[in-house]
Amino acid sequence: MPVLRSGCLLLCLIAFLEPVAAPQAPTISKPPQLAKSAAVDDHSKEPYVFELIQTKARFEADGKIQREAMLRVRIQSESAVRGLGLLTYPFASSFETLDVVYMRVRKSDGTVVETPPSDVQEVDSPVSREAPIYRDQREKHVAVNSLAVGDTLETDVRWTMHDAIAPGHFWYDDSFFRTGICLKETLQLDLPRAIAAKVDYKEPKLKIEESGDRIIYTFETAHLKKDEESKIPHWERNFYGLDPPEVRVSSFASWADVGVCSGRWKNRKQPSPPKFAQRRRN
């Protein structure tokens, strides 16, 4: 999930909103029932197979969010080794931190090879080098140790927001993996019950649980057949814009709330450039 500028987020991620009713409980729009999953195919010829993609997002009443992404992927080709041997994770340093909880490789004989935290490098993002307005855009690069065909790669990465973009409000969107084989994918949204939030989604199975002052939505899906390559060029397929995200969450009750928060964001003092960036310009 790429990190966007907070101003764009504020306008784009909440465009689906409709007024939320007064009761202080999240509301959801229900999709039609899903058809039963197709039989599992043989995936041995695929370059890689995601055994699990698990995303968790916890929202707080003050507007802060913590996201965690866990992956388990089976490596079945040299192209997958090259493609997954160096992983890049973006984050916005002005309001969030990024932690690589673990990065490890499980060999076929059961041994585990860890990539230590010292191997994680933090660098400027390419866009921040070209456009100073995006100077808070950073990346962490991880070169995975000892990755080879037949291994299973396991990763856990966590983004923690330390300053809310719009204090007292939150929003989030996500879409499920559709470009390869995924045996199981889950998305968990952990919301405060005291906030009247809207959860909008399309098709995945949904489980709702209540725990104290929290309400938890868990979506589960899978992608067991590789999509056929389209003969229509990418630019032509998306000529009228990309499809909206499959799951969207927002605590904004009206456009008036959006306007108030947008005004506060515009007047907020922007962080000054890091010292090393000033020296480089000089």
Foldseek 3Di string as FASTA:
>chain_A
DDDDDLLCCLPPQCVVDDFFDDDLFEDEDDADADDDDDDFDDCLPPQKAWAEWEKEWEADQFQWIKIKIKTKMAGADPVVCVVPQKDKDKDQQVWKDKDWPWKWKAAPVGDIDTQDPVQKDKAFDPVCVVDVVSVRIIMIMHRHPPDDHGMMIITMMMMTTRDHLQTRKYKDFAADDQAGWYNKYKYKYKYFSRFHKYKYAYYFDWDWDDDVRIIMIMGMDTHRDHDDDDPDDPCVVQVVHDDDGGIMMIRDRDVVSSVVRSVVNVPDDDDDRDPVVVVVVD
